[in-house]
C-alpha atoms as a PDB file:
ATOM      1  CA  MET A   1      69.233  57.485 207.860  1.00  0.00           C
ATOM      2  CA  ARG A   2      66.229  56.012 205.494  1.00  0.00           C
ATOM      3  CA  LYS A   3      66.030  59.264 203.727  1.00  0.00           C
ATOM      4  CA  ILE A   4      69.952  59.271 203.395  1.00  0.00           C
ATOM      5  CA  GLU A   5      70.373  55.709 202.157  1.00  0.00           C
ATOM      6  CA  GLY A   6      67.112  56.332 199.416  1.00  0.00           C
ATOM      7  CA  SER A   7      68.921  59.163 198.324  1.00  0.00           C
ATOM      8  CA  ILE A   8      72.834  57.528 198.073  1.00  0.00           C
ATOM      9  CA  ARG A   9      70.751  54.242 196.052  1.00  0.00           C
ATOM     10  CA  ALA A  10      69.458  56.994 194.304  1.00  0.00           C
ATOM     11  CA  SER A  11      72.704  57.916 193.477  1.00  0.00           C
ATOM     12  CA  VAL A  12      74.142  54.925 192.863  1.00  0.00           C
ATOM     13  CA  GLY A  13      71.777  53.817 190.817  1.00  0.00           C
ATOM     14  CA  ILE A  14      72.613  57.069 188.524  1.00  0.00           C
ATOM     15  CA  MET A  15      75.898  56.689 188.188  1.00  0.00           C
ATOM     16  CA  LYS A  16      75.811  53.065 187.235  1.00  0.00           C
ATOM     17  CA  ASP A  17      73.078  54.238 184.301  1.00  0.00           C
ATOM     18  CA  VAL A  18      76.198  56.992 183.538  1.00  0.00           C
ATOM     19  CA  ASN A  19      79.227  54.906 183.486  1.00  0.00           C
ATOM     20  CA  SER A  20      76.931  52.781 181.544  1.00  0.00           C
ATOM     21  CA  LEU A  21      76.422  55.499 178.750  1.00  0.00           C
ATOM     22  CA  VAL A  22      79.627  56.739 178.872  1.00  0.00           C
ATOM     23  CA  LYS A  23      82.423  54.650 177.391  1.00  0.00           C
ATOM     24  CA  LEU A  24      85.548  55.647 178.502  1.00  0.00           C
ATOM     25  CA  PRO A  25      88.064  54.192 175.240  1.00  0.00           C
ATOM     26  CA  GLU A  26      85.331  56.186 172.701  1.00  0.00           C
ATOM     27  CA  LEU A  27      85.874  59.027 174.987  1.00  0.00           C
ATOM     28  CA  MET A  28      89.299  58.729 175.209  1.00  0.00           C
ATOM     29  CA  GLY A  29      89.803  58.940 171.120  1.00  0.00           C
ATOM     30  CA  THR A  30      86.956  61.528 171.068  1.00  0.00           C
ATOM     31  CA  MET A  31      89.491  63.720 173.093  1.00  0.00           C
ATOM     32  CA  ARG A  32      92.026  62.993 170.890  1.00  0.00           C
ATOM     33  CA  GLU A  33      90.987  63.757 168.052  1.00  0.00           C
ATOM     34  CA  LEU A  34      89.533  67.056 169.161  1.00  0.00           C
ATOM     35  CA  SER A  35      92.765  67.956 170.451  1.00  0.00           C
ATOM     36  CA  GLN A  36      94.663  66.835 167.108  1.00  0.00           C
ATOM     37  CA  GLU A  37      92.255  69.255 165.447  1.00  0.00           C
ATOM     38  CA  LEU A  38      92.728  72.109 168.182  1.00  0.00           C
ATOM     39  CA  VAL A  39      96.598  71.430 167.599  1.00  0.00           C
ATOM     40  CA  LYS A  40      96.039  71.835 163.539  1.00  0.00           C
ATOM     41  CA  ALA A  41      93.801  74.645 163.867  1.00  0.00           C
ATOM     42  CA  GLY A  42      96.294  76.395 165.596  1.00  0.00           C
ATOM     43  CA  ILE A  43      98.707  75.714 162.946  1.00  0.00           C
ATOM     44  CA  ILE A  44      97.140  77.089 160.072  1.00  0.00           C
ATOM     45  CA  GLU A  45      95.939  79.826 162.725  1.00  0.00           C
ATOM     46  CA  GLU A  46      99.766  81.107 163.070  1.00  0.00           C
ATOM     47  CA  MET A  47     100.606  80.277 159.217  1.00  0.00           C
ATOM     48  CA  VAL A  48      97.943  83.282 158.094  1.00  0.00           C
ATOM     49  CA  GLY A  49      98.952  85.382 161.114  1.00  0.00           C
ATOM     50  CA  ASP A  50     102.120  85.132 159.723  1.00  0.00           C
ATOM     51  CA  SER A  51     101.303  85.830 155.875  1.00  0.00           C
ATOM     52  CA  MET A  52      98.415  88.773 156.812  1.00  0.00           C
ATOM     53  CA  PRO A  53     100.464  91.204 159.271  1.00  0.00           C
ATOM     54  CA  ASP A  54     101.960  92.746 155.706  1.00  0.00           C
ATOM     55  CA  GLN A  55      98.334  92.543 154.063  1.00  0.00           C
ATOM     56  CA  MET A  56      96.459  93.865 157.105  1.00  0.00           C
ATOM     57  CA  GLU A  57      99.191  96.731 157.554  1.00  0.00           C
ATOM     58  CA  GLU A  58      98.856  97.846 154.432  1.00  0.00           C
ATOM     59  CA  GLU A  59      95.420  98.362 155.069  1.00  0.00           C
ATOM     60  CA  ASP A  60      95.541 100.006 158.252  1.00  0.00           C
ATOM     61  CA  GLU A  61      97.759 102.295 156.791  1.00  0.00           C
ATOM     62  CA  GLU A  62      95.161 103.107 153.903  1.00  0.00           C
ATOM     63  CA  ALA A  63      92.632 102.992 156.335  1.00  0.00           C
ATOM     64  CA  GLU A  64      94.308 105.767 158.610  1.00  0.00           C
ATOM     65  CA  SER A  65      95.292 108.257 155.655  1.00  0.00           C
ATOM     66  CA  GLU A  66      91.480 108.149 154.624  1.00  0.00           C
ATOM     67  CA  VAL A  67      90.719 108.535 158.128  1.00  0.00           C
ATOM     68  CA  ASP A  68      93.398 111.747 157.692  1.00  0.00           C
ATOM     69  CA  LYS A  69      91.192 112.976 154.615  1.00  0.00           C
ATOM     70  CA  VAL A  70      88.353 113.135 156.773  1.00  0.00           C
ATOM     71  CA  LEU A  71      88.981 114.555 159.334  1.00  0.00           C
ATOM     72  CA  GLY A  72      91.484 117.218 157.036  1.00  0.00           C
ATOM     73  CA  GLU A  73      87.700 117.818 155.420  1.00  0.00           C
ATOM     74  CA  ILE A  74      85.780 118.542 158.732  1.00  0.00           C
ATOM     75  CA  LEU A  75      88.431 120.355 160.032  1.00  0.00           C
ATOM     76  CA  GLN A  76      88.950 122.638 157.383  1.00  0.00           C
ATOM     77  CA  ASP A  77      84.449 123.768 157.343  1.00  0.00           C
ATOM     78  CA  ARG A  78      84.823 123.978 161.231  1.00  0.00           C
ATOM     79  CA  MET A  79      87.491 126.259 160.523  1.00  0.00           C
ATOM     80  CA  GLY A  80      85.507 127.759 158.101  1.00  0.00           C
ATOM     81  CA  LYS A  81      82.710 128.751 159.831  1.00  0.00           C
ATOM     82  CA  ALA A  82      84.899 129.738 162.846  1.00  0.00           C
ATOM     83  CA  GLY A  83      86.757 132.336 161.096  1.00  0.00           C
ATOM     84  CA  ALA A  84      84.631 134.691 162.275  1.00  0.00           C
ATOM     85  CA  THR A  85      85.104 133.640 165.891  1.00  0.00           C
ATOM     86  CA  PRO A  86      88.170 133.858 167.548  1.00  0.00           C
ATOM     87  CA  VAL A  87      90.972 131.029 167.700  1.00  0.00           C
ATOM     88  CA  THR A  88      89.977 128.985 170.866  1.00  0.00           C
ATOM     89  CA  PRO A  89      87.972 126.877 169.977  1.00  0.00           C
ATOM     90  CA  ALA A  90      90.313 125.031 167.631  1.00  0.00           C
ATOM     91  CA  PRO A  91      92.686 123.658 169.864  1.00  0.00           C
ATOM     92  CA  VAL A  92      89.895 122.260 172.637  1.00  0.00           C
ATOM     93  CA  GLN A  93      89.367 119.906 169.809  1.00  0.00           C
ATOM     94  CA  GLU A  94      92.624 119.035 169.215  1.00  0.00           C
ATOM     95  CA  PRO A  95      93.190 117.837 172.939  1.00  0.00           C
ATOM     96  CA  VAL A  96      90.074 115.659 171.473  1.00  0.00           C
ATOM     97  CA  ALA A  97      91.512 114.166 168.811  1.00  0.00           C
ATOM     98  CA  GLU A  98      94.722 113.215 170.905  1.00  0.00           C
ATOM     99  CA  GLU A  99      92.531 112.032 173.363  1.00  0.00           C
ATOM    100  CA  ASP A 100      90.945 109.791 170.815  1.00  0.00           C
ATOM    101  CA  GLU A 101      93.993 108.118 169.471  1.00  0.00           C
ATOM    102  CA  GLU A 102      95.080 107.343 172.977  1.00  0.00           C
ATOM    103  CA  ASP A 103      91.359 105.552 173.399  1.00  0.00           C
ATOM    104  CA  ALA A 104      91.925 104.216 169.957  1.00  0.00           C
ATOM    105  CA  GLU A 105      95.565 103.180 170.900  1.00  0.00           C
ATOM    106  CA  ALA A 106      94.354 101.610 174.263  1.00  0.00           C
ATOM    107  CA  MET A 107      91.472  99.868 173.085  1.00  0.00           C
ATOM    108  CA  LEU A 108      94.280  97.906 170.472  1.00  0.00           C
ATOM    109  CA  ASP A 109      95.711  96.893 173.304  1.00  0.00           C
ATOM    110  CA  GLN A 110      93.733  95.768 174.954  1.00  0.00           C
ATOM    111  CA  MET A 111      91.954  93.368 171.658  1.00  0.00           C
ATOM    112  CA  ARG A 112      95.987  92.647 171.185  1.00  0.00           C
ATOM    113  CA  GLY A 113      95.931  91.467 174.587  1.00  0.00           C
ATOM    114  CA  ARG A 114      92.839  89.343 174.552  1.00  0.00           C
ATOM    115  CA  LEU A 115      94.424  87.814 170.876  1.00  0.00           C
ATOM    116  CA  GLU A 116      97.493  86.493 172.879  1.00  0.00           C
ATOM    117  CA  ALA A 117      95.139  85.220 176.013  1.00  0.00           C
ATOM    118  CA  LEU A 118      93.327  82.634 173.146  1.00  0.00           C
ATOM    119  CA  LYS A 119      96.023  81.928 171.345  1.00  0.00           C
ATOM    120  CA  SER A 120      98.293  80.610 173.900  1.00  0.00           C
END
């Protein structure tokens, strides 16, 4: 019982020290300022998001066209090397590309979900 009593007294002392250090009115003011800044940041993010999708779509289209060019060159090189071999390896590569596209789409969907979760 004496140990418990001593622990409670120590806890009470610590609580008094914490209460004296934490000034509730200042804390409430700080929290209000933080809330206002978060609202401003959300509005700014929304405004930037509204203006950026057009640019992002253009950049995505450019990136996709570049990727298509590179893949076309790579596939032409491989098709040239595979000219003496049977044609069966080429169809094996196409499903891999489709799987990569599906994986990329799934990853984009996942990222969009995370972004929406962060926005809300």
